[in-house]
Amino acid sequence: MPRRKTLNVQDFKDWVNKQLVSAWLTPMHKRGLSDSLEHVLQATGNYKGFGYVYADDVRPCLPDETGAAAINPAWTIAHEYRRMYY
């Protein structure tokens, strides 16, 4: 029977963080990486949240609006996954 292989969670998190700031991955690739990392961090009790890499990536809201109407149209899905996990 083959031996079980393990992966260091910190190494995986560091690698994903580097990938999330790269310009050559699509937002959907970054979403897959984020979802995978969040699953691993949650399953191992290591999830401590994330922050956006650039200040302009925080989803801006329009004043005096609520719900979907409050989302600034200048914000795109590409902004959502430029994050760094703690």
Protein backbone atom coordinates (compact mmCIF):
# COMPACT_ATOMS: atom_id res chain seq x y z
CA MET A 1 0.00 0.00 0.00
CA PRO A 2 1.44 3.42 -0.92
CA ARG A 3 2.34 5.77 1.87
CA ARG A 4 0.15 8.78 2.47
CA LYS A 5 1.61 12.07 1.31
CA THR A 6 1.24 15.28 3.28
CA LEU A 7 1.50 18.93 2.38
CA ASN A 8 2.66 21.71 4.66
CA VAL A 9 -0.26 24.13 5.04
CA GLN A 10 1.98 27.18 5.50
CA ASP A 11 3.91 26.36 2.33
CA PHE A 12 0.65 25.96 0.39
CA LYS A 13 -0.68 29.26 1.76
CA ASP A 14 2.55 31.08 0.83
CA TRP A 15 2.44 29.63 -2.69
CA VAL A 16 -1.22 30.59 -3.20
CA ASN A 17 -0.58 34.13 -1.90
CA LYS A 18 2.17 34.54 -4.52
CA GLN A 19 -0.12 33.25 -7.27
CA LEU A 20 -2.98 35.59 -6.31
CA VAL A 21 -0.91 38.72 -7.01
CA SER A 22 0.36 37.51 -10.37
CA ALA A 23 -0.89 39.22 -13.49
CA TRP A 24 -0.84 36.11 -15.68
CA LEU A 25 -3.64 34.17 -13.94
CA THR A 26 -7.26 34.78 -14.81
CA PRO A 27 -9.75 35.75 -12.09
CA MET A 28 -11.33 32.29 -12.35
CA HIS A 29 -7.96 30.59 -11.78
CA LYS A 30 -7.46 32.83 -8.75
CA ARG A 31 -10.93 31.96 -7.51
CA GLY A 32 -10.08 28.26 -7.69
CA LEU A 33 -6.88 28.82 -5.76
CA SER A 34 -8.70 30.91 -3.16
CA ASP A 35 -11.46 28.34 -2.74
CA SER A 36 -8.93 25.51 -2.40
CA LEU A 37 -6.83 27.37 0.12
CA GLU A 38 -9.86 28.43 2.16
CA HIS A 39 -11.01 24.80 2.29
CA VAL A 40 -7.59 23.61 3.51
CA LEU A 41 -7.29 26.40 6.06
CA GLN A 42 -10.81 25.80 7.41
CA ALA A 43 -10.36 22.03 7.56
CA THR A 44 -7.10 22.34 9.50
CA GLY A 45 -8.25 25.13 11.82
CA ASN A 46 -5.79 27.63 10.36
CA TYR A 47 -8.15 30.14 8.72
CA LYS A 48 -7.40 33.68 9.94
CA GLY A 49 -9.02 35.70 7.17
CA PHE A 50 -7.57 37.65 4.27
CA GLY A 51 -6.86 41.19 3.18
CA TYR A 52 -6.82 42.83 -0.19
CA VAL A 53 -3.35 43.36 -1.62
CA TYR A 54 -4.07 46.83 -2.98
CA ALA A 55 -6.24 49.48 -1.34
CA ASP A 56 -8.19 49.97 -4.58
CA ASP A 57 -9.24 46.29 -4.53
CA VAL A 58 -11.61 46.80 -1.61
CA ARG A 59 -15.09 46.82 -3.08
CA PRO A 60 -16.20 50.45 -3.08
CA CYS A 61 -19.83 51.31 -2.51
CA LEU A 62 -21.72 54.28 -3.84
CA PRO A 63 -23.12 56.62 -1.19
CA ASP A 64 -26.88 56.76 -0.60
CA GLU A 65 -27.46 53.36 -2.24
CA THR A 66 -28.20 49.92 -0.80
CA GLY A 67 -27.86 46.36 -2.00
CA ALA A 68 -26.69 45.68 -5.54
CA ALA A 69 -27.23 49.32 -6.53
CA ALA A 70 -24.50 50.35 -4.06
CA ILE A 71 -21.74 48.48 -5.86
CA ASN A 72 -19.47 50.75 -7.82
CA PRO A 73 -19.47 49.67 -11.49
CA ALA A 74 -15.73 50.41 -11.72
CA TRP A 75 -15.10 47.40 -9.46
CA THR A 76 -14.60 44.12 -11.35
CA ILE A 77 -14.20 40.47 -10.42
CA ALA A 78 -10.46 40.83 -11.07
CA HIS A 79 -10.26 43.00 -7.95
CA GLU A 80 -11.91 40.37 -5.75
CA TYR A 81 -9.15 37.78 -5.92
CA ARG A 82 -6.07 39.96 -5.48
CA ARG A 83 -5.90 38.96 -1.84
CA MET A 84 -3.45 37.75 0.74
CA TYR A 85 -4.42 35.16 3.32
CA TYR A 86 -3.18 35.57 6.89
